[in-house]
Amino acid sequence: NTTGHKQTDHLRTVALVEMAVAFALEHLAPGGTFCSKVFQGGATKEVLDTLKAHFKTVKHIKPPSSRAGSPEIFVVAKGFKG
């Protein structure tokens, strides 16, 4: 759940995504895919850089169903290098 405090919510969300990335790096089979919702912001670049180092392709998208003012994006990383 979000708290309504943007900075706190961002840090908590990034921490969850970082844990999910760490889990994926440890358990995904070569060629695997990782997908996650993240909030745009300073720490997001570090997550993207980590994914780019371990996956063949990394894309971030904002689907039309997402509110225009929402900072959420979705990251899809394909082709885990192992």
PDB file of N, CA and C in Angstrom:
ATOM      1  N   ASN A   1       0.837  -1.197   0.000  1.00  0.00           N
ATOM      2  CA  ASN A   1       0.000   0.000   0.000  1.00  0.00           C
ATOM      3  C   ASN A   1       0.869   1.243   0.000  1.00  0.00           C
ATOM      4  N   THR A   2       0.392   2.264  -0.686  1.00  0.00           N
ATOM      5  CA  THR A   2       1.122   3.525  -0.691  1.00  0.00           C
ATOM      6  C   THR A   2       0.689   4.360   0.506  1.00  0.00           C
ATOM      7  N   THR A   3       1.577   5.265   0.919  1.00  0.00           N
ATOM      8  CA  THR A   3       1.303   6.107   2.090  1.00  0.00           C
ATOM      9  C   THR A   3       0.743   7.464   1.695  1.00  0.00           C
ATOM     10  N   GLY A   4       0.942   7.841   0.446  1.00  0.00           N
ATOM     11  CA  GLY A   4       0.554   9.172   0.013  1.00  0.00           C
ATOM     12  C   GLY A   4       1.715  10.149   0.048  1.00  0.00           C
ATOM     13  N   HIS A   5       2.818   9.751   0.675  1.00  0.00           N
ATOM     14  CA  HIS A   5       4.040  10.566   0.711  1.00  0.00           C
ATOM     15  C   HIS A   5       4.919  10.091  -0.437  1.00  0.00           C
ATOM     16  N   LYS A   6       5.045  10.927  -1.469  1.00  0.00           N
ATOM     17  CA  LYS A   6       5.683  10.503  -2.714  1.00  0.00           C
ATOM     18  C   LYS A   6       7.087   9.959  -2.522  1.00  0.00           C
ATOM     19  N   GLN A   7       7.904  10.622  -1.733  1.00  0.00           N
ATOM     20  CA  GLN A   7       9.293  10.165  -1.554  1.00  0.00           C
ATOM     21  C   GLN A   7       9.348   8.819  -0.852  1.00  0.00           C
ATOM     22  N   THR A   8       8.546   8.659   0.184  1.00  0.00           N
ATOM     23  CA  THR A   8       8.518   7.386   0.915  1.00  0.00           C
ATOM     24  C   THR A   8       8.010   6.266   0.012  1.00  0.00           C
ATOM     25  N   ASP A   9       6.918   6.537  -0.703  1.00  0.00           N
ATOM     26  CA  ASP A   9       6.357   5.517  -1.592  1.00  0.00           C
ATOM     27  C   ASP A   9       7.351   5.110  -2.669  1.00  0.00           C
ATOM     28  N   HIS A  10       8.066   6.091  -3.218  1.00  0.00           N
ATOM     29  CA  HIS A  10       9.055   5.778  -4.257  1.00  0.00           C
ATOM     30  C   HIS A  10      10.155   4.882  -3.696  1.00  0.00           C
ATOM     31  N   LEU A  11      10.705   5.237  -2.551  1.00  0.00           N
ATOM     32  CA  LEU A  11      11.790   4.445  -1.955  1.00  0.00           C
ATOM     33  C   LEU A  11      11.329   3.029  -1.625  1.00  0.00           C
ATOM     34  N   ARG A  12      10.137   2.897  -1.106  1.00  0.00           N
ATOM     35  CA  ARG A  12       9.621   1.571  -0.770  1.00  0.00           C
ATOM     36  C   ARG A  12       9.400   0.729  -2.025  1.00  0.00           C
ATOM     37  N   THR A  13       8.881   1.348  -3.067  1.00  0.00           N
ATOM     38  CA  THR A  13       8.645   0.628  -4.317  1.00  0.00           C
ATOM     39  C   THR A  13       9.956   0.209  -4.958  1.00  0.00           C
ATOM     40  N   VAL A  14      10.936   1.099  -4.970  1.00  0.00           N
ATOM     41  CA  VAL A  14      12.243   0.768  -5.536  1.00  0.00           C
ATOM     42  C   VAL A  14      12.877  -0.380  -4.756  1.00  0.00           C
ATOM     43  N   ALA A  15      12.744  -0.366  -3.437  1.00  0.00           N
ATOM     44  CA  ALA A  15      13.306  -1.454  -2.619  1.00  0.00           C
ATOM     45  C   ALA A  15      12.664  -2.791  -2.990  1.00  0.00           C
ATOM     46  N   LEU A  16      11.357  -2.798  -3.199  1.00  0.00           N
ATOM     47  CA  LEU A  16      10.675  -4.034  -3.607  1.00  0.00           C
ATOM     48  C   LEU A  16      11.163  -4.514  -4.969  1.00  0.00           C
ATOM     49  N   VAL A  17      11.311  -3.580  -5.899  1.00  0.00           N
ATOM     50  CA  VAL A  17      11.777  -3.944  -7.241  1.00  0.00           C
ATOM     51  C   VAL A  17      13.206  -4.461  -7.178  1.00  0.00           C
ATOM     52  N   GLU A  18      14.054  -3.826  -6.368  1.00  0.00           N
ATOM     53  CA  GLU A  18      15.443  -4.293  -6.225  1.00  0.00           C
ATOM     54  C   GLU A  18      15.482  -5.713  -5.680  1.00  0.00           C
ATOM     55  N   MET A  19      14.602  -6.032  -4.714  1.00  0.00           N
ATOM     56  CA  MET A  19      14.543  -7.397  -4.190  1.00  0.00           C
ATOM     57  C   MET A  19      14.063  -8.370  -5.260  1.00  0.00           C
ATOM     58  N   ALA A  20      13.082  -7.950  -6.063  1.00  0.00           N
ATOM     59  CA  ALA A  20      12.580  -8.808  -7.137  1.00  0.00           C
ATOM     60  C   ALA A  20      13.658  -9.048  -8.184  1.00  0.00           C
ATOM     61  N   VAL A  21      14.431  -8.008  -8.525  1.00  0.00           N
ATOM     62  CA  VAL A  21      15.528  -8.156  -9.484  1.00  0.00           C
ATOM     63  C   VAL A  21      16.576  -9.118  -8.932  1.00  0.00           C
ATOM     64  N   ALA A  22      16.936  -8.959  -7.660  1.00  0.00           N
ATOM     65  CA  ALA A  22      17.925  -9.855  -7.041  1.00  0.00           C
ATOM     66  C   ALA A  22      17.438 -11.302  -7.089  1.00  0.00           C
ATOM     67  N   PHE A  23      16.159 -11.517  -6.799  1.00  0.00           N
ATOM     68  CA  PHE A  23      15.596 -12.861  -6.855  1.00  0.00           C
ATOM     69  C   PHE A  23      15.664 -13.410  -8.281  1.00  0.00           C
ATOM     70  N   ALA A  24      15.293 -12.569  -9.255  1.00  0.00           N
ATOM     71  CA  ALA A  24      15.317 -12.998 -10.656  1.00  0.00           C
ATOM     72  C   ALA A  24      16.729 -13.359 -11.093  1.00  0.00           C
ATOM     73  N   LEU A  25      17.705 -12.550 -10.722  1.00  0.00           N
ATOM     74  CA  LEU A  25      19.088 -12.824 -11.118  1.00  0.00           C
ATOM     75  C   LEU A  25      19.594 -14.139 -10.533  1.00  0.00           C
ATOM     76  N   GLU A  26      19.072 -14.495  -9.376  1.00  0.00           N
ATOM     77  CA  GLU A  26      19.507 -15.731  -8.731  1.00  0.00           C
ATOM     78  C   GLU A  26      18.760 -16.966  -9.245  1.00  0.00           C
ATOM     79  N   HIS A  27      17.511 -16.797  -9.674  1.00  0.00           N
ATOM     80  CA  HIS A  27      16.684 -17.963  -9.965  1.00  0.00           C
ATOM     81  C   HIS A  27      16.222 -18.124 -11.410  1.00  0.00           C
ATOM     82  N   LEU A  28      16.315 -17.078 -12.223  1.00  0.00           N
ATOM     83  CA  LEU A  28      15.856 -17.213 -13.610  1.00  0.00           C
ATOM     84  C   LEU A  28      16.772 -18.128 -14.418  1.00  0.00           C
ATOM     85  N   ALA A  29      16.159 -18.875 -15.311  1.00  0.00           N
ATOM     86  CA  ALA A  29      16.929 -19.693 -16.245  1.00  0.00           C
ATOM     87  C   ALA A  29      17.397 -18.798 -17.397  1.00  0.00           C
ATOM     88  N   PRO A  30      18.507 -19.160 -18.025  1.00  0.00           N
ATOM     89  CA  PRO A  30      18.947 -18.385 -19.187  1.00  0.00           C
ATOM     90  C   PRO A  30      17.818 -18.250 -20.207  1.00  0.00           C
ATOM     91  N   GLY A  31      17.675 -17.041 -20.752  1.00  0.00           N
ATOM     92  CA  GLY A  31      16.612 -16.761 -21.698  1.00  0.00           C
ATOM     93  C   GLY A  31      15.331 -16.267 -21.038  1.00  0.00           C
ATOM     94  N   GLY A  32      15.291 -16.254 -19.703  1.00  0.00           N
ATOM     95  CA  GLY A  32      14.098 -15.872 -18.961  1.00  0.00           C
ATOM     96  C   GLY A  32      13.728 -14.406 -19.107  1.00  0.00           C
ATOM     97  N   THR A  33      12.527 -14.067 -18.613  1.00  0.00           N
ATOM     98  CA  THR A  33      11.979 -12.720 -18.716  1.00  0.00           C
ATOM     99  C   THR A  33      11.622 -12.192 -17.330  1.00  0.00           C
ATOM    100  N   PHE A  34      11.837 -10.885 -17.139  1.00  0.00           N
ATOM    101  CA  PHE A  34      11.489 -10.209 -15.888  1.00  0.00           C
ATOM    102  C   PHE A  34      10.594  -9.032 -16.231  1.00  0.00           C
ATOM    103  N   CYS A  35       9.510  -8.850 -15.473  1.00  0.00           N
ATOM    104  CA  CYS A  35       8.597  -7.728 -15.684  1.00  0.00           C
ATOM    105  C   CYS A  35       8.203  -7.165 -14.330  1.00  0.00           C
ATOM    106  N   SER A  36       8.171  -5.839 -14.226  1.00  0.00           N
ATOM    107  CA  SER A  36       7.802  -5.208 -12.972  1.00  0.00           C
ATOM    108  C   SER A  36       7.255  -3.813 -13.209  1.00  0.00           C
ATOM    109  N   LYS A  37       6.373  -3.381 -12.322  1.00  0.00           N
ATOM    110  CA  LYS A  37       5.913  -1.991 -12.314  1.00  0.00           C
ATOM    111  C   LYS A  37       6.847  -1.209 -11.404  1.00  0.00           C
ATOM    112  N   VAL A  38       7.286  -0.052 -11.851  1.00  0.00           N
ATOM    113  CA  VAL A  38       8.150   0.808 -11.037  1.00  0.00           C
ATOM    114  C   VAL A  38       7.670   2.248 -11.150  1.00  0.00           C
ATOM    115  N   PHE A  39       8.102   3.088 -10.215  1.00  0.00           N
ATOM    116  CA  PHE A  39       7.831   4.516 -10.301  1.00  0.00           C
ATOM    117  C   PHE A  39       9.049   5.192 -10.891  1.00  0.00           C
ATOM    118  N   GLN A  40       8.817   6.177 -11.747  1.00  0.00           N
ATOM    119  CA  GLN A  40       9.920   6.944 -12.322  1.00  0.00           C
ATOM    120  C   GLN A  40      10.579   7.750 -11.205  1.00  0.00           C
ATOM    121  N   GLY A  41      11.891   7.905 -11.307  1.00  0.00           N
ATOM    122  CA  GLY A  41      12.606   8.676 -10.303  1.00  0.00           C
ATOM    123  C   GLY A  41      14.068   8.321 -10.285  1.00  0.00           C
ATOM    124  N   GLY A  42      14.812   8.936  -9.399  1.00  0.00           N
ATOM    125  CA  GLY A  42      16.257   8.797  -9.356  1.00  0.00           C
ATOM    126  C   GLY A  42      16.784   7.383  -9.262  1.00  0.00           C
ATOM    127  N   ALA A  43      16.234   6.559  -8.378  1.00  0.00           N
ATOM    128  CA  ALA A  43      16.776   5.218  -8.178  1.00  0.00           C
ATOM    129  C   ALA A  43      16.383   4.261  -9.301  1.00  0.00           C
ATOM    130  N   THR A  44      15.395   4.615 -10.101  1.00  0.00           N
ATOM    131  CA  THR A  44      14.961   3.738 -11.183  1.00  0.00           C
ATOM    132  C   THR A  44      16.086   3.481 -12.178  1.00  0.00           C
ATOM    133  N   LYS A  45      16.942   4.464 -12.427  1.00  0.00           N
ATOM    134  CA  LYS A  45      18.058   4.307 -13.362  1.00  0.00           C
ATOM    135  C   LYS A  45      18.975   3.173 -12.930  1.00  0.00           C
ATOM    136  N   GLU A  46      19.241   3.054 -11.645  1.00  0.00           N
ATOM    137  CA  GLU A  46      20.101   1.976 -11.137  1.00  0.00           C
ATOM    138  C   GLU A  46      19.479   0.613 -11.423  1.00  0.00           C
ATOM    139  N   VAL A  47      18.169   0.504 -11.235  1.00  0.00           N
ATOM    140  CA  VAL A  47      17.480  -0.755 -11.520  1.00  0.00           C
ATOM    141  C   VAL A  47      17.585  -1.078 -13.009  1.00  0.00           C
ATOM    142  N   LEU A  48      17.341  -0.086 -13.850  1.00  0.00           N
ATOM    143  CA  LEU A  48      17.437  -0.296 -15.300  1.00  0.00           C
ATOM    144  C   LEU A  48      18.853  -0.686 -15.715  1.00  0.00           C
ATOM    145  N   ASP A  49      19.855  -0.055 -15.135  1.00  0.00           N
ATOM    146  CA  ASP A  49      21.247  -0.387 -15.461  1.00  0.00           C
ATOM    147  C   ASP A  49      21.569  -1.829 -15.075  1.00  0.00           C
ATOM    148  N   THR A  50      21.086  -2.268 -13.922  1.00  0.00           N
ATOM    149  CA  THR A  50      21.309  -3.656 -13.497  1.00  0.00           C
ATOM    150  C   THR A  50      20.646  -4.621 -14.464  1.00  0.00           C
ATOM    151  N   LEU A  51      19.416  -4.310 -14.849  1.00  0.00           N
ATOM    152  CA  LEU A  51      18.715  -5.183 -15.791  1.00  0.00           C
ATOM    153  C   LEU A  51      19.423  -5.209 -17.141  1.00  0.00           C
ATOM    154  N   LYS A  52      19.874  -4.058 -17.611  1.00  0.00           N
ATOM    155  CA  LYS A  52      20.569  -4.005 -18.908  1.00  0.00           C
ATOM    156  C   LYS A  52      21.857  -4.814 -18.899  1.00  0.00           C
ATOM    157  N   ALA A  53      22.496  -4.933 -17.747  1.00  0.00           N
ATOM    158  CA  ALA A  53      23.731  -5.708 -17.644  1.00  0.00           C
ATOM    159  C   ALA A  53      23.474  -7.214 -17.694  1.00  0.00           C
ATOM    160  N   HIS A  54      22.241  -7.632 -17.355  1.00  0.00           N
ATOM    161  CA  HIS A  54      21.962  -9.062 -17.230  1.00  0.00           C
ATOM    162  C   HIS A  54      20.941  -9.603 -18.237  1.00  0.00           C
ATOM    163  N   PHE A  55      20.345  -8.726 -19.037  1.00  0.00           N
ATOM    164  CA  PHE A  55      19.350  -9.150 -20.015  1.00  0.00           C
ATOM    165  C   PHE A  55      19.711  -8.607 -21.395  1.00  0.00           C
ATOM    166  N   LYS A  56      19.305  -9.335 -22.424  1.00  0.00           N
ATOM    167  CA  LYS A  56      19.606  -8.896 -23.798  1.00  0.00           C
ATOM    168  C   LYS A  56      18.846  -7.631 -24.160  1.00  0.00           C
ATOM    169  N   THR A  57      17.565  -7.549 -23.796  1.00  0.00           N
ATOM    170  CA  THR A  57      16.783  -6.346 -24.087  1.00  0.00           C
ATOM    171  C   THR A  57      16.026  -5.904 -22.844  1.00  0.00           C
ATOM    172  N   VAL A  58      15.979  -4.594 -22.639  1.00  0.00           N
ATOM    173  CA  VAL A  58      15.235  -4.007 -21.529  1.00  0.00           C
ATOM    174  C   VAL A  58      14.450  -2.828 -22.076  1.00  0.00           C
ATOM    175  N   LYS A  59      13.140  -2.865 -21.860  1.00  0.00           N
ATOM    176  CA  LYS A  59      12.285  -1.778 -22.325  1.00  0.00           C
ATOM    177  C   LYS A  59      11.413  -1.315 -21.168  1.00  0.00           C
ATOM    178  N   HIS A  60      11.127  -0.034 -21.157  1.00  0.00           N
ATOM    179  CA  HIS A  60      10.175   0.480 -20.181  1.00  0.00           C
ATOM    180  C   HIS A  60       9.060   1.165 -20.949  1.00  0.00           C
ATOM    181  N   ILE A  61       7.841   0.896 -20.505  1.00  0.00           N
ATOM    182  CA  ILE A  61       6.677   1.413 -21.213  1.00  0.00           C
ATOM    183  C   ILE A  61       5.694   2.017 -20.216  1.00  0.00           C
ATOM    184  N   LYS A  62       4.874   2.898 -20.706  1.00  0.00           N
ATOM    185  CA  LYS A  62       3.760   3.455 -19.948  1.00  0.00           C
ATOM    186  C   LYS A  62       2.514   3.159 -20.773  1.00  0.00           C
ATOM    187  N   PRO A  63       1.752   2.146 -20.387  1.00  0.00           N
ATOM    188  CA  PRO A  63       0.594   1.753 -21.189  1.00  0.00           C
ATOM    189  C   PRO A  63      -0.498   2.828 -21.169  1.00  0.00           C
ATOM    190  N   PRO A  64      -1.331   2.851 -22.187  1.00  0.00           N
ATOM    191  CA  PRO A  64      -2.412   3.836 -22.250  1.00  0.00           C
ATOM    192  C   PRO A  64      -3.362   3.770 -21.046  1.00  0.00           C
ATOM    193  N   SER A  65      -3.466   2.605 -20.413  1.00  0.00           N
ATOM    194  CA  SER A  65      -4.366   2.456 -19.265  1.00  0.00           C
ATOM    195  C   SER A  65      -3.842   3.157 -18.012  1.00  0.00           C
ATOM    196  N   SER A  66      -2.580   3.548 -18.004  1.00  0.00           N
ATOM    197  CA  SER A  66      -1.986   4.247 -16.864  1.00  0.00           C
ATOM    198  C   SER A  66      -2.380   5.727 -16.917  1.00  0.00           C
ATOM    199  N   ARG A  67      -2.757   6.273 -15.764  1.00  0.00           N
ATOM    200  CA  ARG A  67      -3.138   7.695 -15.720  1.00  0.00           C
ATOM    201  C   ARG A  67      -1.973   8.566 -16.173  1.00  0.00           C
ATOM    202  N   ALA A  68      -2.278   9.644 -16.878  1.00  0.00           N
ATOM    203  CA  ALA A  68      -1.247  10.533 -17.427  1.00  0.00           C
ATOM    204  C   ALA A  68      -0.353  11.117 -16.328  1.00  0.00           C
ATOM    205  N   GLY A  69      -0.909  11.444 -15.178  1.00  0.00           N
ATOM    206  CA  GLY A  69      -0.127  12.052 -14.108  1.00  0.00           C
ATOM    207  C   GLY A  69       0.593  11.055 -13.210  1.00  0.00           C
ATOM    208  N   SER A  70       0.383   9.778 -13.447  1.00  0.00           N
ATOM    209  CA  SER A  70       0.997   8.747 -12.609  1.00  0.00           C
ATOM    210  C   SER A  70       2.460   8.544 -12.988  1.00  0.00           C
ATOM    211  N   PRO A  71       3.341   8.403 -11.980  1.00  0.00           N
ATOM    212  CA  PRO A  71       4.755   8.180 -12.277  1.00  0.00           C
ATOM    213  C   PRO A  71       5.095   6.721 -12.580  1.00  0.00           C
ATOM    214  N   GLU A  72       4.083   5.856 -12.662  1.00  0.00           N
ATOM    215  CA  GLU A  72       4.363   4.434 -12.876  1.00  0.00           C
ATOM    216  C   GLU A  72       4.749   4.144 -14.311  1.00  0.00           C
ATOM    217  N   ILE A  73       5.702   3.232 -14.452  1.00  0.00           N
ATOM    218  CA  ILE A  73       6.066   2.664 -15.746  1.00  0.00           C
ATOM    219  C   ILE A  73       6.242   1.167 -15.526  1.00  0.00           C
ATOM    220  N   PHE A  74       6.277   0.429 -16.598  1.00  0.00           N
ATOM    221  CA  PHE A  74       6.503  -1.000 -16.511  1.00  0.00           C
ATOM    222  C   PHE A  74       7.810  -1.329 -17.218  1.00  0.00           C
ATOM    223  N   VAL A  75       8.611  -2.160 -16.576  1.00  0.00           N
ATOM    224  CA  VAL A  75       9.906  -2.566 -17.128  1.00  0.00           C
ATOM    225  C   VAL A  75       9.793  -4.028 -17.538  1.00  0.00           C
ATOM    226  N   VAL A  76      10.186  -4.302 -18.777  1.00  0.00           N
ATOM    227  CA  VAL A  76      10.184  -5.681 -19.282  1.00  0.00           C
ATOM    228  C   VAL A  76      11.602  -5.981 -19.772  1.00  0.00           C
ATOM    229  N   ALA A  77      12.209  -6.982 -19.153  1.00  0.00           N
ATOM    230  CA  ALA A  77      13.566  -7.405 -19.519  1.00  0.00           C
ATOM    231  C   ALA A  77      13.484  -8.819 -20.075  1.00  0.00           C
ATOM    232  N   LYS A  78      13.999  -9.018 -21.282  1.00  0.00           N
ATOM    233  CA  LYS A  78      13.933 -10.318 -21.946  1.00  0.00           C
ATOM    234  C   LYS A  78      15.337 -10.840 -22.249  1.00  0.00           C
ATOM    235  N   GLY A  79      15.438 -12.151 -22.264  1.00  0.00           N
ATOM    236  CA  GLY A  79      16.704 -12.787 -22.644  1.00  0.00           C
ATOM    237  C   GLY A  79      17.736 -12.756 -21.540  1.00  0.00           C
ATOM    238  N   PHE A  80      17.379 -13.308 -20.368  1.00  0.00           N
ATOM    239  CA  PHE A  80      18.339 -13.350 -19.257  1.00  0.00           C
ATOM    240  C   PHE A  80      19.621 -14.042 -19.699  1.00  0.00           C
ATOM    241  N   LYS A  81      20.740 -13.406 -19.433  1.00  0.00           N
ATOM    242  CA  LYS A  81      22.034 -13.933 -19.881  1.00  0.00           C
ATOM    243  C   LYS A  81      22.575 -15.031 -18.991  1.00  0.00           C
ATOM    244  N   GLY A  82      22.027 -15.177 -17.801  1.00  0.00           N
ATOM    245  CA  GLY A  82      22.467 -16.243 -16.899  1.00  0.00           C
ATOM    246  C   GLY A  82      23.639 -15.909 -16.050  1.00  0.00           C
TER     247      GLY A  82
END
